[in-house]
Amino acid sequence: MGNDPEMKNELWYPARSRPMAGWQASTSRRPWRLSSIALCAPPMLMATGCSRAPSFNILGSFFPAWILCGVLGILLTVIVRVLFVRWKFEPELSPLILIYPCLALFFTFSIWLLFFS
C-alpha cells in the first residue's frame, strides 16, 4: 500500500483509479477564466462610482463635498470649544480626547445630511 502509485490515486480519487480527461481539460481552462475575471473586474468596480458625485469648483479645481463637510465640521468644533472654554463648561467634559472628535463627526455628518441627502 505504501509505494503503489495506483493506491495513491485511489486515495485521492476513490471512485476511479485516475483522473478523468474532463478534469484535466478544466484545469487547462483555469488561467483563461482567471484572466477574463481579472480583465472584467476593474471596469465593473469603476462603474459603481459613476453615480452623481457631489463636488465643488473652487478656483478651477473640483473638490469632493465630503472634504468641505469635514472642514466645516472641524471649524464648527473649534467654535464650540471656544464657547465651552468661555462659558467654563470644558472642565465638566471628560474625556476630551473622545468629546471633540465625536463633536466634529457629528457636525460633519449633520452638514452632509442637510445639504446632500
C-alpha atoms as a PDB file:
ATOM      1  CA  MET A   1       0.000   0.000   0.000  1.00  0.00           C
ATOM      2  CA  GLY A   2       2.844   2.433   0.746  1.00  0.00           C
ATOM      3  CA  ASN A   3       4.648   2.727  -2.619  1.00  0.00           C
ATOM      4  CA  ASP A   4       1.978   1.589  -5.055  1.00  0.00           C
ATOM      5  CA  PRO A   5       1.138   4.540  -7.399  1.00  0.00           C
ATOM      6  CA  GLU A   6      -2.290   3.107  -8.164  1.00  0.00           C
ATOM      7  CA  MET A   7      -3.091   3.114  -4.474  1.00  0.00           C
ATOM      8  CA  LYS A   8      -2.183   6.819  -4.176  1.00  0.00           C
ATOM      9  CA  ASN A   9      -4.659   7.571  -6.948  1.00  0.00           C
ATOM     10  CA  GLU A  10      -7.255   5.523  -5.131  1.00  0.00           C
ATOM     11  CA  LEU A  11      -6.750   7.660  -2.043  1.00  0.00           C
ATOM     12  CA  TRP A  12      -7.231  10.875  -3.976  1.00  0.00           C
ATOM     13  CA  TYR A  13      -9.876   9.612  -6.395  1.00  0.00           C
ATOM     14  CA  PRO A  14     -11.799   6.876  -4.617  1.00  0.00           C
ATOM     15  CA  ALA A  15     -14.353   6.300  -7.406  1.00  0.00           C
ATOM     16  CA  ARG A  16     -11.749   5.843 -10.138  1.00  0.00           C
ATOM     17  CA  SER A  17      -8.118   4.882 -10.336  1.00  0.00           C
ATOM     18  CA  ARG A  18      -7.017   8.005 -12.281  1.00  0.00           C
ATOM     19  CA  PRO A  19      -8.493  11.405 -13.045  1.00  0.00           C
ATOM     20  CA  MET A  20     -10.902  11.753 -15.914  1.00  0.00           C
ATOM     21  CA  ALA A  21      -9.989  13.620 -19.101  1.00  0.00           C
ATOM     22  CA  GLY A  22     -12.573  16.311 -18.350  1.00  0.00           C
ATOM     23  CA  TRP A  23     -10.822  17.139 -15.092  1.00  0.00           C
ATOM     24  CA  GLN A  24      -7.543  17.723 -16.900  1.00  0.00           C
ATOM     25  CA  ALA A  25      -9.243  19.917 -19.501  1.00  0.00           C
ATOM     26  CA  SER A  26     -10.852  22.071 -16.815  1.00  0.00           C
ATOM     27  CA  THR A  27      -7.502  22.842 -15.222  1.00  0.00           C
ATOM     28  CA  SER A  28      -6.124  23.990 -18.551  1.00  0.00           C
ATOM     29  CA  ARG A  29      -9.017  26.479 -18.860  1.00  0.00           C
ATOM     30  CA  ARG A  30      -8.480  27.955 -15.406  1.00  0.00           C
ATOM     31  CA  PRO A  31      -5.863  30.533 -16.480  1.00  0.00           C
ATOM     32  CA  TRP A  32      -8.268  31.824 -19.151  1.00  0.00           C
ATOM     33  CA  ARG A  33     -11.076  32.100 -16.607  1.00  0.00           C
ATOM     34  CA  LEU A  34      -8.845  33.880 -14.132  1.00  0.00           C
ATOM     35  CA  SER A  35      -7.544  36.305 -16.746  1.00  0.00           C
ATOM     36  CA  SER A  36     -11.055  37.057 -18.017  1.00  0.00           C
ATOM     37  CA  ILE A  37     -12.205  37.775 -14.455  1.00  0.00           C
ATOM     38  CA  ALA A  38      -9.134  39.941 -13.889  1.00  0.00           C
ATOM     39  CA  LEU A  39      -9.883  41.895 -17.067  1.00  0.00           C
ATOM     40  CA  CYS A  40     -13.599  42.361 -16.371  1.00  0.00           C
ATOM     41  CA  ALA A  41     -13.465  43.154 -12.642  1.00  0.00           C
ATOM     42  CA  PRO A  42     -11.753  46.608 -12.715  1.00  0.00           C
ATOM     43  CA  PRO A  43     -14.184  48.199 -15.203  1.00  0.00           C
ATOM     44  CA  MET A  44     -17.140  46.846 -13.233  1.00  0.00           C
ATOM     45  CA  LEU A  45     -15.726  48.168  -9.962  1.00  0.00           C
ATOM     46  CA  MET A  46     -15.012  51.574 -11.503  1.00  0.00           C
ATOM     47  CA  ALA A  47     -18.509  51.745 -12.971  1.00  0.00           C
ATOM     48  CA  THR A  48     -20.029  51.593  -9.494  1.00  0.00           C
ATOM     49  CA  GLY A  49     -18.767  55.113  -8.851  1.00  0.00           C
ATOM     50  CA  CYS A  50     -20.455  56.571 -11.925  1.00  0.00           C
ATOM     51  CA  SER A  51     -23.414  57.885  -9.987  1.00  0.00           C
ATOM     52  CA  ARG A  52     -23.713  61.539  -9.024  1.00  0.00           C
ATOM     53  CA  ALA A  53     -20.602  62.582  -7.122  1.00  0.00           C
ATOM     54  CA  PRO A  54     -21.155  65.895  -5.341  1.00  0.00           C
ATOM     55  CA  SER A  55     -18.192  68.195  -5.859  1.00  0.00           C
ATOM     56  CA  PHE A  56     -17.450  71.902  -5.775  1.00  0.00           C
ATOM     57  CA  ASN A  57     -15.491  74.015  -8.218  1.00  0.00           C
ATOM     58  CA  ILE A  58     -13.106  76.072  -6.094  1.00  0.00           C
ATOM     59  CA  LEU A  59     -10.703  78.214  -8.159  1.00  0.00           C
ATOM     60  CA  GLY A  60     -10.980  75.864 -11.130  1.00  0.00           C
ATOM     61  CA  SER A  61     -10.314  72.688  -9.148  1.00  0.00           C
ATOM     62  CA  PHE A  62     -13.054  70.242  -8.181  1.00  0.00           C
ATOM     63  CA  PHE A  63     -13.149  69.098  -4.563  1.00  0.00           C
ATOM     64  CA  PRO A  64     -15.395  66.339  -3.223  1.00  0.00           C
ATOM     65  CA  ALA A  65     -18.189  67.554  -0.998  1.00  0.00           C
ATOM     66  CA  TRP A  66     -17.113  65.342   1.893  1.00  0.00           C
ATOM     67  CA  ILE A  67     -13.895  67.379   2.203  1.00  0.00           C
ATOM     68  CA  LEU A  68     -15.886  70.580   2.529  1.00  0.00           C
ATOM     69  CA  CYS A  69     -18.217  68.951   5.068  1.00  0.00           C
ATOM     70  CA  GLY A  70     -15.231  67.711   7.070  1.00  0.00           C
ATOM     71  CA  VAL A  71     -13.552  71.115   7.107  1.00  0.00           C
ATOM     72  CA  LEU A  72     -16.793  72.811   8.161  1.00  0.00           C
ATOM     73  CA  GLY A  73     -17.330  70.185  10.866  1.00  0.00           C
ATOM     74  CA  ILE A  74     -13.856  70.814  12.266  1.00  0.00           C
ATOM     75  CA  LEU A  75     -14.361  74.599  12.162  1.00  0.00           C
ATOM     76  CA  LEU A  76     -17.679  74.290  13.997  1.00  0.00           C
ATOM     77  CA  THR A  77     -16.000  72.085  16.600  1.00  0.00           C
ATOM     78  CA  VAL A  78     -13.313  74.726  17.171  1.00  0.00           C
ATOM     79  CA  ILE A  79     -16.015  77.376  17.598  1.00  0.00           C
ATOM     80  CA  VAL A  80     -17.897  75.179  20.080  1.00  0.00           C
ATOM     81  CA  ARG A  81     -14.658  74.543  22.007  1.00  0.00           C
ATOM     82  CA  VAL A  82     -14.045  78.287  22.305  1.00  0.00           C
ATOM     83  CA  LEU A  83     -17.596  78.679  23.604  1.00  0.00           C
ATOM     84  CA  PHE A  84     -17.113  75.812  26.100  1.00  0.00           C
ATOM     85  CA  VAL A  85     -13.920  77.436  27.419  1.00  0.00           C
ATOM     86  CA  ARG A  86     -15.539  80.893  27.607  1.00  0.00           C
ATOM     87  CA  TRP A  87     -18.550  79.522  29.499  1.00  0.00           C
ATOM     88  CA  LYS A  88     -16.235  77.387  31.724  1.00  0.00           C
ATOM     89  CA  PHE A  89     -18.035  74.230  30.655  1.00  0.00           C
ATOM     90  CA  GLU A  90     -14.950  72.370  29.387  1.00  0.00           C
ATOM     91  CA  PRO A  91     -13.810  71.145  32.848  1.00  0.00           C
ATOM     92  CA  GLU A  92     -17.136  69.306  33.121  1.00  0.00           C
ATOM     93  CA  LEU A  93     -16.426  67.287  29.968  1.00  0.00           C
ATOM     94  CA  SER A  94     -14.392  64.127  30.052  1.00  0.00           C
ATOM     95  CA  PRO A  95     -12.628  62.521  28.264  1.00  0.00           C
ATOM     96  CA  LEU A  96     -11.846  65.389  25.916  1.00  0.00           C
ATOM     97  CA  ILE A  97      -9.994  63.104  23.509  1.00  0.00           C
ATOM     98  CA  LEU A  98     -13.351  61.482  22.699  1.00  0.00           C
ATOM     99  CA  ILE A  99     -15.633  64.515  23.042  1.00  0.00           C
ATOM    100  CA  TYR A 100     -14.123  66.738  20.365  1.00  0.00           C
ATOM    101  CA  PRO A 101     -13.624  64.118  17.607  1.00  0.00           C
ATOM    102  CA  CYS A 102     -17.195  62.922  18.168  1.00  0.00           C
ATOM    103  CA  LEU A 103     -18.418  66.503  18.028  1.00  0.00           C
ATOM    104  CA  ALA A 104     -16.507  67.061  14.770  1.00  0.00           C
ATOM    105  CA  LEU A 105     -18.012  63.903  13.277  1.00  0.00           C
ATOM    106  CA  PHE A 106     -21.468  64.966  14.445  1.00  0.00           C
ATOM    107  CA  PHE A 107     -21.130  68.330  12.702  1.00  0.00           C
ATOM    108  CA  THR A 108     -19.617  66.756   9.567  1.00  0.00           C
ATOM    109  CA  PHE A 109     -22.371  64.178   9.159  1.00  0.00           C
ATOM    110  CA  SER A 110     -25.082  66.678  10.016  1.00  0.00           C
ATOM    111  CA  ILE A 111     -23.866  69.069   7.320  1.00  0.00           C
ATOM    112  CA  TRP A 112     -23.692  66.201   4.847  1.00  0.00           C
ATOM    113  CA  LEU A 113     -27.249  65.139   5.634  1.00  0.00           C
ATOM    114  CA  LEU A 114     -28.605  68.683   5.499  1.00  0.00           C
ATOM    115  CA  PHE A 115     -27.130  69.581   2.133  1.00  0.00           C
ATOM    116  CA  PHE A 116     -26.528  66.294   0.257  1.00  0.00           C
ATOM    117  CA  SER A 117     -29.114  63.752   1.385  1.00  0.00           C
END
